[in-house]
Amino acid sequence: AEVSRLGHAAVAVGVGRSALVAATRYAAERKQFKKPIERFQAIQWMQADSATELDGARLLVRKAAWLLATGRPAGVTIAMAAVRACAIAQRIADRAIQIHGGYGYTRDFPVERAYRDATALGLLDGGAARNRVVIARGLVAAM
């Protein structure tokens, strides 16, 4: 179960990354008022927030993988990584859709699929609710 949850968290990081890459490319190509939308502060902030959150989720997944690989207790960290990575992937996909505007909802662009995938990943293995129970029990046991 732990390996499965960790795998889903890692996939969520990949989904978030693909949505960010797609949004970044689109923002460089799409023009409004004769300049690429990547030059608008609102777009830059969405990209900056997405990149920052993605890196944090990636590091948490790596920590969980390291704990598991070295035989240390990893259940709570894996649950944290799953909750965080799935939530971040969905948030990044949502921002990517916003950057794409109306096109983001169509199947012509990959961000629509990223949003569906991120949502589905958040439901696997009992979803965030189950993982939060694992985290809370781990905190109580550590006291």
C-alpha atoms as a PDB file:
ATOM      1  CA  ALA A   1       0.000   0.000   0.000  1.00  0.00           C
ATOM      2  CA  GLU A   2       2.817   2.422   0.842  1.00  0.00           C
ATOM      3  CA  VAL A   3       4.629   1.805  -2.433  1.00  0.00           C
ATOM      4  CA  SER A   4       1.384   2.321  -4.344  1.00  0.00           C
ATOM      5  CA  ARG A   5       0.654   5.640  -2.598  1.00  0.00           C
ATOM      6  CA  LEU A   6       4.213   6.780  -3.184  1.00  0.00           C
ATOM      7  CA  GLY A   7       3.915   5.848  -6.846  1.00  0.00           C
ATOM      8  CA  HIS A   8       0.715   7.857  -7.185  1.00  0.00           C
ATOM      9  CA  ALA A   9       2.395  10.831  -5.527  1.00  0.00           C
ATOM     10  CA  ALA A  10       5.289  10.598  -7.976  1.00  0.00           C
ATOM     11  CA  VAL A  11       2.877  10.419 -10.906  1.00  0.00           C
ATOM     12  CA  ALA A  12       1.082  13.489  -9.538  1.00  0.00           C
ATOM     13  CA  VAL A  13       4.383  15.395  -9.588  1.00  0.00           C
ATOM     14  CA  GLY A  14       4.805  14.371 -13.228  1.00  0.00           C
ATOM     15  CA  VAL A  15       1.270  15.467 -14.090  1.00  0.00           C
ATOM     16  CA  GLY A  16       1.868  18.829 -12.422  1.00  0.00           C
ATOM     17  CA  ARG A  17       5.121  19.253 -14.295  1.00  0.00           C
ATOM     18  CA  SER A  18       3.547  18.462 -17.654  1.00  0.00           C
ATOM     19  CA  ALA A  19       0.761  20.980 -17.005  1.00  0.00           C
ATOM     20  CA  LEU A  20       3.307  23.640 -16.047  1.00  0.00           C
ATOM     21  CA  VAL A  21       5.408  22.960 -19.147  1.00  0.00           C
ATOM     22  CA  ALA A  22       2.339  23.136 -21.392  1.00  0.00           C
ATOM     23  CA  ALA A  23       1.192  26.390 -19.791  1.00  0.00           C
ATOM     24  CA  THR A  24       4.666  27.916 -20.051  1.00  0.00           C
ATOM     25  CA  ARG A  25       4.922  27.056 -23.747  1.00  0.00           C
ATOM     26  CA  TYR A  26       1.441  28.358 -24.449  1.00  0.00           C
ATOM     27  CA  ALA A  27       2.127  31.613 -22.573  1.00  0.00           C
ATOM     28  CA  ALA A  28       5.240  32.171 -24.704  1.00  0.00           C
ATOM     29  CA  GLU A  29       3.261  31.669 -27.940  1.00  0.00           C
ATOM     30  CA  ARG A  30      -0.077  33.354 -27.144  1.00  0.00           C
ATOM     31  CA  LYS A  31      -0.151  37.088 -27.746  1.00  0.00           C
ATOM     32  CA  GLN A  32      -2.413  39.777 -26.367  1.00  0.00           C
ATOM     33  CA  PHE A  33      -1.900  43.474 -27.054  1.00  0.00           C
ATOM     34  CA  LYS A  34       0.980  42.543 -29.378  1.00  0.00           C
ATOM     35  CA  LYS A  35       3.061  40.801 -26.714  1.00  0.00           C
ATOM     36  CA  PRO A  36       3.257  37.260 -25.349  1.00  0.00           C
ATOM     37  CA  ILE A  37       1.025  36.716 -22.332  1.00  0.00           C
ATOM     38  CA  GLU A  38       4.058  35.384 -20.439  1.00  0.00           C
ATOM     39  CA  ARG A  39       5.033  39.022 -19.977  1.00  0.00           C
ATOM     40  CA  PHE A  40       1.923  39.804 -17.928  1.00  0.00           C
ATOM     41  CA  GLN A  41       2.434  39.764 -14.179  1.00  0.00           C
ATOM     42  CA  ALA A  42      -0.660  37.655 -13.460  1.00  0.00           C
ATOM     43  CA  ILE A  43       0.646  34.888 -15.721  1.00  0.00           C
ATOM     44  CA  GLN A  44       4.153  35.156 -14.248  1.00  0.00           C
ATOM     45  CA  TRP A  45       2.799  34.818 -10.720  1.00  0.00           C
ATOM     46  CA  MET A  46       0.750  31.737 -11.626  1.00  0.00           C
ATOM     47  CA  GLN A  47       3.851  30.175 -13.184  1.00  0.00           C
ATOM     48  CA  ALA A  48       6.059  31.134 -10.234  1.00  0.00           C
ATOM     49  CA  ASP A  49       3.590  29.746  -7.687  1.00  0.00           C
ATOM     50  CA  SER A  50       3.208  26.550  -9.699  1.00  0.00           C
ATOM     51  CA  ALA A  51       6.969  26.022 -10.022  1.00  0.00           C
ATOM     52  CA  THR A  52       7.535  26.672  -6.320  1.00  0.00           C
ATOM     53  CA  GLU A  53       4.754  24.343  -5.181  1.00  0.00           C
ATOM     54  CA  LEU A  54       5.816  21.654  -7.631  1.00  0.00           C
ATOM     55  CA  ASP A  55       9.380  21.696  -6.325  1.00  0.00           C
ATOM     56  CA  GLY A  56       8.159  21.356  -2.744  1.00  0.00           C
ATOM     57  CA  ALA A  57       5.956  18.390  -3.650  1.00  0.00           C
ATOM     58  CA  ARG A  58       8.805  16.781  -5.611  1.00  0.00           C
ATOM     59  CA  LEU A  59      11.157  17.089  -2.641  1.00  0.00           C
ATOM     60  CA  LEU A  60       8.593  15.565  -0.287  1.00  0.00           C
ATOM     61  CA  VAL A  61       8.115  12.621  -2.661  1.00  0.00           C
ATOM     62  CA  ARG A  62      11.895  12.171  -2.820  1.00  0.00           C
ATOM     63  CA  LYS A  63      12.167  12.240   0.970  1.00  0.00           C
ATOM     64  CA  ALA A  64       9.444   9.606   1.251  1.00  0.00           C
ATOM     65  CA  ALA A  65      11.169   7.436  -1.353  1.00  0.00           C
ATOM     66  CA  TRP A  66      14.494   7.772   0.468  1.00  0.00           C
ATOM     67  CA  LEU A  67      12.926   6.777   3.802  1.00  0.00           C
ATOM     68  CA  LEU A  68      11.286   3.750   2.199  1.00  0.00           C
ATOM     69  CA  ALA A  69      14.461   2.720   0.360  1.00  0.00           C
ATOM     70  CA  THR A  70      16.596   2.946   3.496  1.00  0.00           C
ATOM     71  CA  GLY A  71      14.198   0.934   5.655  1.00  0.00           C
ATOM     72  CA  ARG A  72      13.146   3.811   7.861  1.00  0.00           C
ATOM     73  CA  PRO A  73       9.519   4.411   8.887  1.00  0.00           C
ATOM     74  CA  ALA A  74       8.001   6.083   5.830  1.00  0.00           C
ATOM     75  CA  GLY A  75       4.214   5.731   6.134  1.00  0.00           C
ATOM     76  CA  VAL A  76       3.478   9.209   7.459  1.00  0.00           C
ATOM     77  CA  THR A  77       5.836  10.908   5.003  1.00  0.00           C
ATOM     78  CA  ILE A  78       4.378   8.912   2.116  1.00  0.00           C
ATOM     79  CA  ALA A  79       0.878   9.991   3.151  1.00  0.00           C
ATOM     80  CA  MET A  80       2.065  13.611   3.347  1.00  0.00           C
ATOM     81  CA  ALA A  81       3.665  13.333  -0.080  1.00  0.00           C
ATOM     82  CA  ALA A  82       0.487  11.860  -1.563  1.00  0.00           C
ATOM     83  CA  VAL A  83      -1.767  14.564  -0.109  1.00  0.00           C
ATOM     84  CA  ARG A  84       0.560  17.359  -1.132  1.00  0.00           C
ATOM     85  CA  ALA A  85       1.529  16.128  -4.588  1.00  0.00           C
ATOM     86  CA  CYS A  86      -2.042  15.379  -5.644  1.00  0.00           C
ATOM     87  CA  ALA A  87      -3.336  18.740  -4.406  1.00  0.00           C
ATOM     88  CA  ILE A  88      -0.484  20.609  -6.086  1.00  0.00           C
ATOM     89  CA  ALA A  89      -0.955  18.752  -9.380  1.00  0.00           C
ATOM     90  CA  GLN A  90      -4.601  19.728  -9.427  1.00  0.00           C
ATOM     91  CA  ARG A  91      -3.810  23.351  -8.551  1.00  0.00           C
ATOM     92  CA  ILE A  92      -1.141  23.587 -11.261  1.00  0.00           C
ATOM     93  CA  ALA A  93      -3.483  22.020 -13.832  1.00  0.00           C
ATOM     94  CA  ASP A  94      -6.171  24.517 -12.856  1.00  0.00           C
ATOM     95  CA  ARG A  95      -3.759  27.419 -13.358  1.00  0.00           C
ATOM     96  CA  ALA A  96      -2.666  25.940 -16.679  1.00  0.00           C
ATOM     97  CA  ILE A  97      -6.293  25.892 -17.808  1.00  0.00           C
ATOM     98  CA  GLN A  98      -6.644  29.529 -16.756  1.00  0.00           C
ATOM     99  CA  ILE A  99      -3.543  30.458 -18.752  1.00  0.00           C
ATOM    100  CA  HIS A 100      -4.992  28.691 -21.795  1.00  0.00           C
ATOM    101  CA  GLY A 101      -8.312  30.462 -21.344  1.00  0.00           C
ATOM    102  CA  GLY A 102     -11.277  28.793 -23.037  1.00  0.00           C
ATOM    103  CA  TYR A 103      -8.928  26.539 -24.975  1.00  0.00           C
ATOM    104  CA  GLY A 104      -7.839  24.890 -21.732  1.00  0.00           C
ATOM    105  CA  TYR A 105     -11.161  23.090 -21.456  1.00  0.00           C
ATOM    106  CA  THR A 106     -10.884  21.475 -24.863  1.00  0.00           C
ATOM    107  CA  ARG A 107      -9.210  18.175 -25.637  1.00  0.00           C
ATOM    108  CA  ASP A 108      -7.044  19.995 -28.184  1.00  0.00           C
ATOM    109  CA  PHE A 109      -4.639  21.001 -25.400  1.00  0.00           C
ATOM    110  CA  PRO A 110      -2.949  18.703 -22.847  1.00  0.00           C
ATOM    111  CA  VAL A 111      -3.933  20.719 -19.782  1.00  0.00           C
ATOM    112  CA  GLU A 112      -7.494  19.393 -19.899  1.00  0.00           C
ATOM    113  CA  ARG A 113      -6.151  15.862 -19.509  1.00  0.00           C
ATOM    114  CA  ALA A 114      -3.721  16.939 -16.788  1.00  0.00           C
ATOM    115  CA  TYR A 115      -6.633  18.300 -14.784  1.00  0.00           C
ATOM    116  CA  ARG A 116      -8.595  15.053 -15.156  1.00  0.00           C
ATOM    117  CA  ASP A 117      -5.534  12.965 -14.265  1.00  0.00           C
ATOM    118  CA  ALA A 118      -4.698  15.092 -11.224  1.00  0.00           C
ATOM    119  CA  THR A 119      -8.263  14.812  -9.961  1.00  0.00           C
ATOM    120  CA  ALA A 120      -8.285  11.033 -10.417  1.00  0.00           C
ATOM    121  CA  LEU A 121      -4.930  10.619  -8.648  1.00  0.00           C
ATOM    122  CA  GLY A 122      -6.324  12.436  -5.628  1.00  0.00           C
ATOM    123  CA  LEU A 123      -9.043   9.799  -5.312  1.00  0.00           C
ATOM    124  CA  LEU A 124      -6.843   6.705  -5.444  1.00  0.00           C
ATOM    125  CA  ASP A 125      -5.926   4.671  -2.356  1.00  0.00           C
ATOM    126  CA  GLY A 126      -8.673   6.246  -0.276  1.00  0.00           C
ATOM    127  CA  GLY A 127      -7.833   9.785  -1.300  1.00  0.00           C
ATOM    128  CA  ALA A 128      -6.650  12.651   0.829  1.00  0.00           C
ATOM    129  CA  ALA A 129      -9.013  11.760   3.678  1.00  0.00           C
ATOM    130  CA  ARG A 130      -7.384   8.377   4.229  1.00  0.00           C
ATOM    131  CA  ASN A 131      -3.906   9.841   3.968  1.00  0.00           C
ATOM    132  CA  ARG A 132      -4.788  12.556   6.474  1.00  0.00           C
ATOM    133  CA  VAL A 133      -5.878   9.866   8.936  1.00  0.00           C
ATOM    134  CA  VAL A 134      -2.480   8.161   8.481  1.00  0.00           C
ATOM    135  CA  ILE A 135      -0.721  11.490   9.088  1.00  0.00           C
ATOM    136  CA  ALA A 136      -2.795  12.319  12.184  1.00  0.00           C
ATOM    137  CA  ARG A 137      -2.269   8.859  13.691  1.00  0.00           C
ATOM    138  CA  GLY A 138       1.443   9.183  13.046  1.00  0.00           C
ATOM    139  CA  LEU A 139       1.544  12.503  14.845  1.00  0.00           C
ATOM    140  CA  VAL A 140      -0.313  11.089  17.839  1.00  0.00           C
ATOM    141  CA  ALA A 141       1.994   8.065  17.971  1.00  0.00           C
ATOM    142  CA  ALA A 142       5.055  10.350  17.886  1.00  0.00           C
ATOM    143  CA  MET A 143       3.936  12.267  20.980  1.00  0.00           C
END
